[in-house]
PDB file of all heavy atoms in Angstrom:
ATOM      1  N   ALA A   1     194.799  89.439 240.126  1.00  0.00           N
ATOM      2  CA  ALA A   1     195.884  90.321 240.551  1.00  0.00           C
ATOM      3  C   ALA A   1     196.887  90.576 239.438  1.00  0.00           C
ATOM      4  O   ALA A   1     197.496  91.662 239.379  1.00  0.00           O
ATOM      5  CB  ALA A   1     196.594  89.717 241.758  1.00  0.00           C
ATOM      6  N   PHE A   2     197.075  89.609 238.534  1.00  0.00           N
ATOM      7  CA  PHE A   2     198.121  89.743 237.525  1.00  0.00           C
ATOM      8  C   PHE A   2     197.586  90.058 236.141  1.00  0.00           C
ATOM      9  O   PHE A   2     198.335  90.028 235.170  1.00  0.00           O
ATOM     10  CB  PHE A   2     198.966  88.463 237.476  1.00  0.00           C
ATOM     11  CG  PHE A   2     200.038  88.442 238.525  1.00  0.00           C
ATOM     12  CD1 PHE A   2     199.746  88.025 239.808  1.00  0.00           C
ATOM     13  CD2 PHE A   2     201.311  88.873 238.241  1.00  0.00           C
ATOM     14  CE1 PHE A   2     200.715  88.014 240.792  1.00  0.00           C
ATOM     15  CE2 PHE A   2     202.293  88.873 239.214  1.00  0.00           C
ATOM     16  CZ  PHE A   2     202.000  88.441 240.493  1.00  0.00           C
ATOM     17  N   PHE A   3     196.285  90.367 236.045  1.00  0.00           N
ATOM     18  CA  PHE A   3     195.746  90.766 234.748  1.00  0.00           C
ATOM     19  C   PHE A   3     195.970  92.280 234.578  1.00  0.00           C
ATOM     20  O   PHE A   3     195.091  93.093 234.798  1.00  0.00           O
ATOM     21  CB  PHE A   3     194.254  90.440 234.639  1.00  0.00           C
ATOM     22  CG  PHE A   3     193.707  90.679 233.267  1.00  0.00           C
ATOM     23  CD1 PHE A   3     193.962  89.791 232.245  1.00  0.00           C
ATOM     24  CD2 PHE A   3     192.971  91.816 232.992  1.00  0.00           C
ATOM     25  CE1 PHE A   3     193.452  90.020 230.976  1.00  0.00           C
ATOM     26  CE2 PHE A   3     192.466  92.062 231.725  1.00  0.00           C
ATOM     27  CZ  PHE A   3     192.714  91.148 230.717  1.00  0.00           C
ATOM     28  N   VAL A   4     197.187  92.627 234.216  1.00  0.00           N
ATOM     29  CA  VAL A   4     197.546  94.030 234.109  1.00  0.00           C
ATOM     30  C   VAL A   4     198.162  94.304 232.741  1.00  0.00           C
ATOM     31  O   VAL A   4     198.772  93.432 232.120  1.00  0.00           O
ATOM     32  CB  VAL A   4     198.541  94.457 235.218  1.00  0.00           C
ATOM     33  CG1 VAL A   4     197.890  94.353 236.577  1.00  0.00           C
ATOM     34  CG2 VAL A   4     199.805  93.623 235.161  1.00  0.00           C
ATOM     35  N   GLU A   5     197.984  95.526 232.275  1.00  0.00           N
ATOM     36  CA  GLU A   5     198.591  95.983 231.037  1.00  0.00           C
ATOM     37  C   GLU A   5     199.873  96.758 231.360  1.00  0.00           C
ATOM     38  O   GLU A   5     200.065  97.226 232.480  1.00  0.00           O
ATOM     39  CB  GLU A   5     197.612  96.903 230.277  1.00  0.00           C
ATOM     40  CG  GLU A   5     196.279  96.264 229.957  1.00  0.00           C
ATOM     41  CD  GLU A   5     196.351  95.351 228.749  1.00  0.00           C
ATOM     42  OE1 GLU A   5     197.391  95.385 228.057  1.00  0.00           O
ATOM     43  OE2 GLU A   5     195.387  94.621 228.509  1.00  0.00           O
ATOM     44  N   LYS A   6     200.731  96.886 230.371  1.00  0.00           N
ATOM     45  CA  LYS A   6     201.928  97.706 230.551  1.00  0.00           C
ATOM     46  C   LYS A   6     201.511  99.170 230.548  1.00  0.00           C
ATOM     47  O   LYS A   6     200.977  99.677 229.566  1.00  0.00           O
ATOM     48  CB  LYS A   6     202.930  97.448 229.432  1.00  0.00           C
ATOM     49  CG  LYS A   6     204.220  98.238 229.610  1.00  0.00           C
ATOM     50  CD  LYS A   6     205.200  97.948 228.486  1.00  0.00           C
ATOM     51  CE  LYS A   6     206.473  98.772 228.677  1.00  0.00           C
ATOM     52  NZ  LYS A   6     207.463  98.528 227.596  1.00  0.00           N
ATOM     53  N   PRO A   7     201.735  99.901 231.648  1.00  0.00           N
ATOM     54  CA  PRO A   7     201.267 101.284 231.726  1.00  0.00           C
ATOM     55  C   PRO A   7     202.257 102.254 231.087  1.00  0.00           C
ATOM     56  O   PRO A   7     203.455 101.997 231.015  1.00  0.00           O
ATOM     57  CB  PRO A   7     201.164 101.530 233.236  1.00  0.00           C
ATOM     58  CG  PRO A   7     202.249 100.667 233.805  1.00  0.00           C
ATOM     59  CD  PRO A   7     202.339  99.455 232.920  1.00  0.00           C
ATOM     60  N   GLU A   8     201.741 103.350 230.653  1.00  0.00           N
ATOM     61  CA  GLU A   8     202.572 104.437 230.142  1.00  0.00           C
ATOM     62  C   GLU A   8     201.988 105.746 230.675  1.00  0.00           C
ATOM     63  O   GLU A   8     200.800 105.991 230.553  1.00  0.00           O
ATOM     64  CB  GLU A   8     202.585 104.466 228.608  1.00  0.00           C
ATOM     65  CG  GLU A   8     203.280 103.270 227.968  1.00  0.00           C
ATOM     66  CD  GLU A   8     204.777 103.256 228.196  1.00  0.00           C
ATOM     67  OE1 GLU A   8     205.320 104.319 228.573  1.00  0.00           O
ATOM     68  OE2 GLU A   8     205.393 102.191 228.013  1.00  0.00           O
ATOM     69  N   TYR A   9     202.853 106.550 231.283  1.00  0.00           N
ATOM     70  CA  TYR A   9     202.408 107.850 231.793  1.00  0.00           C
ATOM     71  C   TYR A   9     203.167 108.912 231.022  1.00  0.00           C
ATOM     72  O   TYR A   9     204.341 109.157 231.256  1.00  0.00           O
ATOM     73  CB  TYR A   9     202.686 107.965 233.293  1.00  0.00           C
ATOM     74  CG  TYR A   9     202.056 109.195 233.927  1.00  0.00           C
ATOM     75  CD1 TYR A   9     200.682 109.233 234.162  1.00  0.00           C
ATOM     76  CD2 TYR A   9     202.823 110.296 234.263  1.00  0.00           C
ATOM     77  CE1 TYR A   9     200.097 110.341 234.734  1.00  0.00           C
ATOM     78  CE2 TYR A   9     202.237 111.408 234.837  1.00  0.00           C
ATOM     79  CZ  TYR A   9     200.876 111.429 235.067  1.00  0.00           C
ATOM     80  OH  TYR A   9     200.301 112.541 235.634  1.00  0.00           O
ATOM     81  N   ALA A  10     202.489 109.525 230.046  1.00  0.00           N
ATOM     82  CA  ALA A  10     203.150 110.450 229.135  1.00  0.00           C
ATOM     83  C   ALA A  10     203.246 111.868 229.692  1.00  0.00           C
ATOM     84  O   ALA A  10     204.056 112.666 229.217  1.00  0.00           O
ATOM     85  CB  ALA A  10     202.411 110.472 227.794  1.00  0.00           C
ATOM     86  N   THR A  11     202.441 112.208 230.670  1.00  0.00           N
ATOM     87  CA  THR A  11     202.448 113.565 231.207  1.00  0.00           C
ATOM     88  C   THR A  11     203.762 113.850 231.924  1.00  0.00           C
ATOM     89  O   THR A  11     204.267 113.027 232.678  1.00  0.00           O
ATOM     90  CB  THR A  11     201.276 113.763 232.185  1.00  0.00           C
ATOM     91  OG1 THR A  11     200.062 113.419 231.515  1.00  0.00           O
ATOM     92  CG2 THR A  11     201.197 115.204 232.645  1.00  0.00           C
ATOM     93  N   ARG A  12     204.307 115.021 231.692  1.00  0.00           N
ATOM     94  CA  ARG A  12     205.617 115.360 232.273  1.00  0.00           C
ATOM     95  C   ARG A  12     205.519 115.590 233.766  1.00  0.00           C
ATOM     96  O   ARG A  12     206.393 115.186 234.527  1.00  0.00           O
ATOM     97  CB  ARG A  12     206.166 116.602 231.572  1.00  0.00           C
ATOM     98  CG  ARG A  12     207.544 117.012 232.083  1.00  0.00           C
ATOM     99  CD  ARG A  12     208.052 118.219 231.327  1.00  0.00           C
ATOM    100  NE  ARG A  12     209.368 118.628 231.828  1.00  0.00           N
ATOM    101  CZ  ARG A  12     210.025 119.692 231.383  1.00  0.00           C
ATOM    102  NH1 ARG A  12     209.495 120.432 230.406  1.00  0.00           N
ATOM    103  NH2 ARG A  12     211.208 120.006 231.880  1.00  0.00           N
ATOM    104  N   TRP A  13     204.448 116.256 234.211  1.00  0.00           N
ATOM    105  CA  TRP A  13     204.337 116.626 235.621  1.00  0.00           C
ATOM    106  C   TRP A  13     203.661 115.509 236.397  1.00  0.00           C
ATOM    107  O   TRP A  13     202.579 115.059 236.049  1.00  0.00           O
ATOM    108  CB  TRP A  13     203.552 117.931 235.777  1.00  0.00           C
ATOM    109  CG  TRP A  13     204.154 119.059 234.992  1.00  0.00           C
ATOM    110  CD1 TRP A  13     203.678 119.622 233.848  1.00  0.00           C
ATOM    111  CD2 TRP A  13     205.366 119.744 235.300  1.00  0.00           C
ATOM    112  NE1 TRP A  13     204.504 120.614 233.419  1.00  0.00           N
ATOM    113  CE2 TRP A  13     205.563 120.721 234.289  1.00  0.00           C
ATOM    114  CE3 TRP A  13     206.318 119.635 236.332  1.00  0.00           C
ATOM    115  CZ2 TRP A  13     206.655 121.563 234.278  1.00  0.00           C
ATOM    116  CZ3 TRP A  13     207.404 120.484 236.311  1.00  0.00           C
ATOM    117  CH2 TRP A  13     207.567 121.433 235.304  1.00  0.00           C
ATOM    118  N   VAL A  14     204.310 115.088 237.447  1.00  0.00           N
ATOM    119  CA  VAL A  14     203.782 114.040 238.303  1.00  0.00           C
ATOM    120  C   VAL A  14     203.086 114.678 239.489  1.00  0.00           C
ATOM    121  O   VAL A  14     203.680 115.478 240.214  1.00  0.00           O
ATOM    122  CB  VAL A  14     204.905 113.095 238.780  1.00  0.00           C
ATOM    123  CG1 VAL A  14     204.364 112.073 239.776  1.00  0.00           C
ATOM    124  CG2 VAL A  14     205.545 112.391 237.590  1.00  0.00           C
ATOM    125  N   GLN A  15     201.822 114.331 239.702  1.00  0.00           N
ATOM    126  CA  GLN A  15     201.038 114.869 240.803  1.00  0.00           C
ATOM    127  C   GLN A  15     200.692 113.740 241.780  1.00  0.00           C
ATOM    128  O   GLN A  15     201.056 112.583 241.564  1.00  0.00           O
ATOM    129  CB  GLN A  15     199.778 115.545 240.261  1.00  0.00           C
ATOM    130  CG  GLN A  15     200.083 116.687 239.288  1.00  0.00           C
ATOM    131  CD  GLN A  15     198.823 117.281 238.691  1.00  0.00           C
ATOM    132  OE1 GLN A  15     197.736 116.722 238.827  1.00  0.00           O
ATOM    133  NE2 GLN A  15     198.957 118.426 238.029  1.00  0.00           N
ATOM    134  N   TRP A  16     199.963 114.104 242.833  1.00  0.00           N
ATOM    135  CA  TRP A  16     199.665 113.119 243.872  1.00  0.00           C
ATOM    136  C   TRP A  16     198.833 111.965 243.354  1.00  0.00           C
ATOM    137  O   TRP A  16     198.917 110.840 243.867  1.00  0.00           O
ATOM    138  CB  TRP A  16     198.939 113.802 245.031  1.00  0.00           C
ATOM    139  CG  TRP A  16     197.523 114.207 244.704  1.00  0.00           C
ATOM    140  CD1 TRP A  16     197.105 115.387 244.175  1.00  0.00           C
ATOM    141  CD2 TRP A  16     196.345 113.390 244.855  1.00  0.00           C
ATOM    142  NE1 TRP A  16     195.746 115.368 243.983  1.00  0.00           N
ATOM    143  CE2 TRP A  16     195.256 114.159 244.405  1.00  0.00           C
ATOM    144  CE3 TRP A  16     196.115 112.106 245.338  1.00  0.00           C
ATOM    145  CZ2 TRP A  16     193.954 113.685 244.407  1.00  0.00           C
ATOM    146  CZ3 TRP A  16     194.818 111.621 245.346  1.00  0.00           C
ATOM    147  CH2 TRP A  16     193.745 112.402 244.886  1.00  0.00           C
ATOM    148  N   ASN A  17     197.997 112.206 242.320  1.00  0.00           N
ATOM    149  CA  ASN A  17     197.116 111.161 241.790  1.00  0.00           C
ATOM    150  C   ASN A  17     197.671 110.497 240.539  1.00  0.00           C
ATOM    151  O   ASN A  17     196.975 109.709 239.893  1.00  0.00           O
ATOM    152  CB  ASN A  17     195.741 111.731 241.493  1.00  0.00           C
ATOM    153  CG  ASN A  17     195.790 112.829 240.423  1.00  0.00           C
ATOM    154  OD1 ASN A  17     196.849 113.408 240.172  1.00  0.00           O
ATOM    155  ND2 ASN A  17     194.659 113.100 239.813  1.00  0.00           N
ATOM    156  N   SER A  18     198.907 110.796 240.183  1.00  0.00           N
ATOM    157  CA  SER A  18     199.482 110.211 238.964  1.00  0.00           C
ATOM    158  C   SER A  18     199.582 108.696 239.069  1.00  0.00           C
ATOM    159  O   SER A  18     199.404 107.974 238.087  1.00  0.00           O
ATOM    160  CB  SER A  18     200.865 110.813 238.693  1.00  0.00           C
ATOM    161  OG  SER A  18     200.775 112.211 238.477  1.00  0.00           O
ATOM    162  N   GLY A  19     199.882 108.201 240.256  1.00  0.00           N
ATOM    163  CA  GLY A  19     199.949 106.755 240.437  1.00  0.00           C
ATOM    164  C   GLY A  19     198.603 106.091 240.221  1.00  0.00           C
ATOM    165  O   GLY A  19     198.526 104.972 239.695  1.00  0.00           O
ATOM    166  N   LEU A  20     197.524 106.748 240.631  1.00  0.00           N
ATOM    167  CA  LEU A  20     196.186 106.197 240.414  1.00  0.00           C
ATOM    168  C   LEU A  20     195.850 106.147 238.924  1.00  0.00           C
ATOM    169  O   LEU A  20     195.167 105.227 238.461  1.00  0.00           O
ATOM    170  CB  LEU A  20     195.153 107.029 241.162  1.00  0.00           C
ATOM    171  CG  LEU A  20     195.297 107.055 242.690  1.00  0.00           C
ATOM    172  CD1 LEU A  20     194.278 108.013 243.313  1.00  0.00           C
ATOM    173  CD2 LEU A  20     195.133 105.649 243.271  1.00  0.00           C
ATOM    174  N   ILE A  21     196.344 107.152 238.169  1.00  0.00           N
ATOM    175  CA  ILE A  21     196.130 107.157 236.717  1.00  0.00           C
ATOM    176  C   ILE A  21     196.844 105.967 236.080  1.00  0.00           C
ATOM    177  O   ILE A  21     196.286 105.270 235.225  1.00  0.00           O
ATOM    178  CB  ILE A  21     196.615 108.480 236.107  1.00  0.00           C
ATOM    179  CG1 ILE A  21     195.786 109.644 236.657  1.00  0.00           C
ATOM    180  CG2 ILE A  21     196.550 108.442 234.588  1.00  0.00           C
ATOM    181  CD1 ILE A  21     196.260 111.008 236.205  1.00  0.00           C
ATOM    182  N   VAL A  22     198.076 105.729 236.495  1.00  0.00           N
ATOM    183  CA  VAL A  22     198.830 104.589 235.978  1.00  0.00           C
ATOM    184  C   VAL A  22     198.148 103.281 236.365  1.00  0.00           C
ATOM    185  O   VAL A  22     198.065 102.343 235.570  1.00  0.00           O
ATOM    186  CB  VAL A  22     200.280 104.621 236.502  1.00  0.00           C
ATOM    187  CG1 VAL A  22     201.023 103.342 236.139  1.00  0.00           C
ATOM    188  CG2 VAL A  22     201.014 105.830 235.942  1.00  0.00           C
ATOM    189  N   LEU A  23     197.619 103.227 237.586  1.00  0.00           N
ATOM    190  CA  LEU A  23     196.918 102.023 238.038  1.00  0.00           C
ATOM    191  C   LEU A  23     195.699 101.757 237.155  1.00  0.00           C
ATOM    192  O   LEU A  23     195.407 100.601 236.814  1.00  0.00           O
ATOM    193  CB  LEU A  23     196.491 102.192 239.495  1.00  0.00           C
ATOM    194  CG  LEU A  23     196.060 100.928 240.240  1.00  0.00           C
ATOM    195  CD1 LEU A  23     197.219  99.955 240.356  1.00  0.00           C
ATOM    196  CD2 LEU A  23     195.527 101.284 241.629  1.00  0.00           C
ATOM    197  N   GLY A  24     194.987 102.828 236.777  1.00  0.00           N
ATOM    198  CA  GLY A  24     193.858 102.667 235.866  1.00  0.00           C
ATOM    199  C   GLY A  24     194.290 102.160 234.507  1.00  0.00           C
ATOM    200  O   GLY A  24     193.597 101.343 233.888  1.00  0.00           O
ATOM    201  N   GLN A  25     195.463 102.616 234.025  1.00  0.00           N
ATOM    202  CA  GLN A  25     195.981 102.128 232.752  1.00  0.00           C
ATOM    203  C   GLN A  25     196.357 100.659 232.831  1.00  0.00           C
ATOM    204  O   GLN A  25     196.179  99.899 231.872  1.00  0.00           O
ATOM    205  CB  GLN A  25     197.210 102.955 232.346  1.00  0.00           C
ATOM    206  CG  GLN A  25     196.909 104.410 232.043  1.00  0.00           C
ATOM    207  CD  GLN A  25     198.171 105.212 231.789  1.00  0.00           C
ATOM    208  OE1 GLN A  25     199.284 104.735 231.997  1.00  0.00           O
ATOM    209  NE2 GLN A  25     197.997 106.442 231.334  1.00  0.00           N
ATOM    210  N   MET A  26     196.864 100.239 233.981  1.00  0.00           N
ATOM    211  CA  MET A  26     197.279  98.845 234.145  1.00  0.00           C
ATOM    212  C   MET A  26     196.096  97.888 234.054  1.00  0.00           C
ATOM    213  O   MET A  26     196.229  96.770 233.560  1.00  0.00           O
ATOM    214  CB  MET A  26     197.992  98.674 235.495  1.00  0.00           C
ATOM    215  CG  MET A  26     199.341  99.366 235.571  1.00  0.00           C
ATOM    216  SD  MET A  26     200.020  99.412 237.246  1.00  0.00           S
ATOM    217  CE  MET A  26     200.195  97.662 237.600  1.00  0.00           C
ATOM    218  N   PHE A  27     194.933  98.326 234.546  1.00  0.00           N
ATOM    219  CA  PHE A  27     193.754  97.463 234.539  1.00  0.00           C
ATOM    220  C   PHE A  27     192.762  97.855 233.448  1.00  0.00           C
ATOM    221  O   PHE A  27     191.595  97.477 233.517  1.00  0.00           O
ATOM    222  CB  PHE A  27     193.065  97.509 235.899  1.00  0.00           C
ATOM    223  CG  PHE A  27     193.828  96.796 236.977  1.00  0.00           C
ATOM    224  CD1 PHE A  27     194.655  97.497 237.835  1.00  0.00           C
ATOM    225  CD2 PHE A  27     193.737  95.423 237.126  1.00  0.00           C
ATOM    226  CE1 PHE A  27     195.371  96.849 238.826  1.00  0.00           C
ATOM    227  CE2 PHE A  27     194.447  94.765 238.106  1.00  0.00           C
ATOM    228  CZ  PHE A  27     195.263  95.468 238.963  1.00  0.00           C
ATOM    229  N   ALA A  28     193.245  98.580 232.436  1.00  0.00           N
ATOM    230  CA  ALA A  28     192.355  98.987 231.352  1.00  0.00           C
ATOM    231  C   ALA A  28     191.854  97.791 230.552  1.00  0.00           C
ATOM    232  O   ALA A  28     190.775  97.833 229.958  1.00  0.00           O
ATOM    233  CB  ALA A  28     193.077  99.970 230.430  1.00  0.00           C
ATOM    234  N   GLY A  29     192.632  96.716 230.535  1.00  0.00           N
ATOM    235  CA  GLY A  29     192.221  95.540 229.773  1.00  0.00           C
ATOM    236  C   GLY A  29     190.966  94.879 230.303  1.00  0.00           C
ATOM    237  O   GLY A  29     190.323  94.108 229.586  1.00  0.00           O
ATOM    238  N   LEU A  30     190.611  95.153 231.563  1.00  0.00           N
ATOM    239  CA  LEU A  30     189.396  94.556 232.123  1.00  0.00           C
ATOM    240  C   LEU A  30     188.144  95.034 231.405  1.00  0.00           C
ATOM    241  O   LEU A  30     187.098  94.376 231.472  1.00  0.00           O
ATOM    242  CB  LEU A  30     189.300  94.886 233.614  1.00  0.00           C
ATOM    243  CG  LEU A  30     190.344  94.214 234.516  1.00  0.00           C
ATOM    244  CD1 LEU A  30     190.249  94.771 235.923  1.00  0.00           C
ATOM    245  CD2 LEU A  30     190.158  92.708 234.523  1.00  0.00           C
ATOM    246  N   ALA A  31     188.242  96.192 230.724  1.00  0.00           N
ATOM    247  CA  ALA A  31     187.071  96.720 230.030  1.00  0.00           C
ATOM    248  C   ALA A  31     186.780  95.945 228.744  1.00  0.00           C
ATOM    249  O   ALA A  31     185.663  95.983 228.233  1.00  0.00           O
ATOM    250  CB  ALA A  31     187.273  98.203 229.708  1.00  0.00           C
ATOM    251  N   ASN A  32     187.783  95.241 228.210  1.00  0.00           N
ATOM    252  CA  ASN A  32     187.605  94.491 226.969  1.00  0.00           C
ATOM    253  C   ASN A  32     187.405  93.018 227.316  1.00  0.00           C
ATOM    254  O   ASN A  32     188.353  92.247 227.449  1.00  0.00           O
ATOM    255  CB  ASN A  32     188.827  94.679 226.067  1.00  0.00           C
ATOM    256  CG  ASN A  32     188.596  94.149 224.667  1.00  0.00           C
ATOM    257  OD1 ASN A  32     187.617  93.437 224.409  1.00  0.00           O
ATOM    258  ND2 ASN A  32     189.488  94.483 223.751  1.00  0.00           N
ATOM    259  N   LEU A  33     186.162  92.625 227.494  1.00  0.00           N
ATOM    260  CA  LEU A  33     185.839  91.277 227.956  1.00  0.00           C
ATOM    261  C   LEU A  33     186.272  90.218 226.954  1.00  0.00           C
ATOM    262  O   LEU A  33     186.760  89.144 227.338  1.00  0.00           O
ATOM    263  CB  LEU A  33     184.335  91.164 228.215  1.00  0.00           C
ATOM    264  CG  LEU A  33     183.840  89.814 228.753  1.00  0.00           C
ATOM    265  CD1 LEU A  33     184.484  89.518 230.095  1.00  0.00           C
ATOM    266  CD2 LEU A  33     182.328  89.815 228.862  1.00  0.00           C
ATOM    267  N   LYS A  34     186.150  90.490 225.667  1.00  0.00           N
ATOM    268  CA  LYS A  34     186.465  89.495 224.653  1.00  0.00           C
ATOM    269  C   LYS A  34     187.935  89.110 224.691  1.00  0.00           C
ATOM    270  O   LYS A  34     188.285  87.921 224.599  1.00  0.00           O
ATOM    271  CB  LYS A  34     186.084  90.020 223.270  1.00  0.00           C
ATOM    272  CG  LYS A  34     186.270  88.995 222.163  1.00  0.00           C
ATOM    273  CD  LYS A  34     185.812  89.547 220.828  1.00  0.00           C
ATOM    274  CE  LYS A  34     186.010  88.524 219.712  1.00  0.00           C
ATOM    275  NZ  LYS A  34     185.561  89.051 218.388  1.00  0.00           N
ATOM    276  N   SER A  35     188.808  90.091 224.802  1.00  0.00           N
ATOM    277  CA  SER A  35     190.239  89.797 224.838  1.00  0.00           C
ATOM    278  C   SER A  35     190.686  89.333 226.219  1.00  0.00           C
ATOM    279  O   SER A  35     191.766  88.759 226.359  1.00  0.00           O
ATOM    280  CB  SER A  35     191.031  91.046 224.436  1.00  0.00           C
ATOM    281  OG  SER A  35     190.818  92.100 225.368  1.00  0.00           O
ATOM    282  N   MET A  36     189.865  89.578 227.234  1.00  0.00           N
ATOM    283  CA  MET A  36     190.240  89.216 228.592  1.00  0.00           C
ATOM    284  C   MET A  36     190.078  87.718 228.850  1.00  0.00           C
ATOM    285  O   MET A  36     190.836  87.133 229.625  1.00  0.00           O
ATOM    286  CB  MET A  36     189.372  90.004 229.583  1.00  0.00           C
ATOM    287  CG  MET A  36     189.686  89.712 231.044  1.00  0.00           C
ATOM    288  SD  MET A  36     188.585  90.603 232.171  1.00  0.00           S
ATOM    289  CE  MET A  36     187.060  89.682 231.932  1.00  0.00           C
ATOM    290  N   ILE A  37     189.127  87.064 228.187  1.00  0.00           N
ATOM    291  CA  ILE A  37     188.799  85.672 228.499  1.00  0.00           C
ATOM    292  C   ILE A  37     189.997  84.737 228.340  1.00  0.00           C
ATOM    293  O   ILE A  37     190.321  83.980 229.268  1.00  0.00           O
ATOM    294  CB  ILE A  37     187.599  85.203 227.653  1.00  0.00           C
ATOM    295  CG1 ILE A  37     186.340  85.970 228.070  1.00  0.00           C
ATOM    296  CG2 ILE A  37     187.385  83.705 227.803  1.00  0.00           C
ATOM    297  CD1 ILE A  37     185.123  85.641 227.238  1.00  0.00           C
ATOM    298  N   PRO A  38     190.715  84.745 227.198  1.00  0.00           N
ATOM    299  CA  PRO A  38     191.848  83.812 227.090  1.00  0.00           C
ATOM    300  C   PRO A  38     192.937  84.083 228.120  1.00  0.00           C
ATOM    301  O   PRO A  38     193.550  83.134 228.631  1.00  0.00           O
ATOM    302  CB  PRO A  38     192.370  84.039 225.662  1.00  0.00           C
ATOM    303  CG  PRO A  38     191.344  84.812 224.956  1.00  0.00           C
ATOM    304  CD  PRO A  38     190.525  85.505 225.965  1.00  0.00           C
ATOM    305  N   VAL A  39     193.177  85.345 228.447  1.00  0.00           N
ATOM    306  CA  VAL A  39     194.220  85.678 229.417  1.00  0.00           C
ATOM    307  C   VAL A  39     193.840  85.144 230.794  1.00  0.00           C
ATOM    308  O   VAL A  39     194.667  84.531 231.489  1.00  0.00           O
ATOM    309  CB  VAL A  39     194.447  87.199 229.471  1.00  0.00           C
ATOM    310  CG1 VAL A  39     195.532  87.542 230.478  1.00  0.00           C
ATOM    311  CG2 VAL A  39     194.838  87.727 228.098  1.00  0.00           C
ATOM    312  N   VAL A  40     192.605  85.387 231.218  1.00  0.00           N
ATOM    313  CA  VAL A  40     192.163  84.919 232.530  1.00  0.00           C
ATOM    314  C   VAL A  40     192.200  83.400 232.591  1.00  0.00           C
ATOM    315  O   VAL A  40     192.656  82.810 233.583  1.00  0.00           O
ATOM    316  CB  VAL A  40     190.747  85.448 232.834  1.00  0.00           C
ATOM    317  CG1 VAL A  40     190.198  84.813 234.102  1.00  0.00           C
ATOM    318  CG2 VAL A  40     190.771  86.960 232.982  1.00  0.00           C
ATOM    319  N   VAL A  41     191.732  82.734 231.529  1.00  0.00           N
ATOM    320  CA  VAL A  41     191.751  81.267 231.501  1.00  0.00           C
ATOM    321  C   VAL A  41     193.184  80.754 231.626  1.00  0.00           C
ATOM    322  O   VAL A  41     193.470  79.813 232.388  1.00  0.00           O
ATOM    323  CB  VAL A  41     191.092  80.753 230.213  1.00  0.00           C
ATOM    324  CG1 VAL A  41     191.326  79.250 230.050  1.00  0.00           C
ATOM    325  CG2 VAL A  41     189.597  81.042 230.221  1.00  0.00           C
ATOM    326  N   ASN A  42     194.103  81.362 230.882  1.00  0.00           N
ATOM    327  CA  ASN A  42     195.491  80.911 230.924  1.00  0.00           C
ATOM    328  C   ASN A  42     196.127  81.161 232.293  1.00  0.00           C
ATOM    329  O   ASN A  42     196.903  80.331 232.788  1.00  0.00           O
ATOM    330  CB  ASN A  42     196.302  81.605 229.838  1.00  0.00           C
ATOM    331  CG  ASN A  42     195.964  81.090 228.448  1.00  0.00           C
ATOM    332  OD1 ASN A  42     195.472  79.976 228.288  1.00  0.00           O
ATOM    333  ND2 ASN A  42     196.217  81.898 227.438  1.00  0.00           N
ATOM    334  N   LEU A  43     195.801  82.295 232.903  1.00  0.00           N
ATOM    335  CA  LEU A  43     196.358  82.577 234.223  1.00  0.00           C
ATOM    336  C   LEU A  43     195.802  81.619 235.284  1.00  0.00           C
ATOM    337  O   LEU A  43     196.525  81.178 236.178  1.00  0.00           O
ATOM    338  CB  LEU A  43     196.075  84.028 234.610  1.00  0.00           C
ATOM    339  CG  LEU A  43     196.873  85.099 233.844  1.00  0.00           C
ATOM    340  CD1 LEU A  43     196.410  86.494 234.249  1.00  0.00           C
ATOM    341  CD2 LEU A  43     198.368  84.941 234.084  1.00  0.00           C
ATOM    342  N   VAL A  44     194.508  81.298 235.186  1.00  0.00           N
ATOM    343  CA  VAL A  44     193.920  80.335 236.124  1.00  0.00           C
ATOM    344  C   VAL A  44     194.540  78.959 235.911  1.00  0.00           C
ATOM    345  O   VAL A  44     194.867  78.239 236.873  1.00  0.00           O
ATOM    346  CB  VAL A  44     192.391  80.287 235.962  1.00  0.00           C
ATOM    347  CG1 VAL A  44     191.799  79.131 236.768  1.00  0.00           C
ATOM    348  CG2 VAL A  44     191.772  81.605 236.416  1.00  0.00           C
ATOM    349  N   MET A  45     194.729  78.571 234.663  1.00  0.00           N
ATOM    350  CA  MET A  45     195.347  77.281 234.374  1.00  0.00           C
ATOM    351  C   MET A  45     196.780  77.235 234.885  1.00  0.00           C
ATOM    352  O   MET A  45     197.226  76.221 235.439  1.00  0.00           O
ATOM    353  CB  MET A  45     195.307  77.010 232.867  1.00  0.00           C
ATOM    354  CG  MET A  45     193.925  76.734 232.328  1.00  0.00           C
ATOM    355  SD  MET A  45     193.921  76.483 230.539  1.00  0.00           S
ATOM    356  CE  MET A  45     194.942  75.018 230.410  1.00  0.00           C
TER     357      MET A  45
END
């Protein structure tokens, strides 16, 4: 739940799906398995 990145939404116009875009940015780190391992281990610990 807490493995999230700091999101940035640069687009000026906010639409109904803008929150979903930000949500995708928050969990973008899940795609990088190598950098994810120490974070997940530390959060579990």
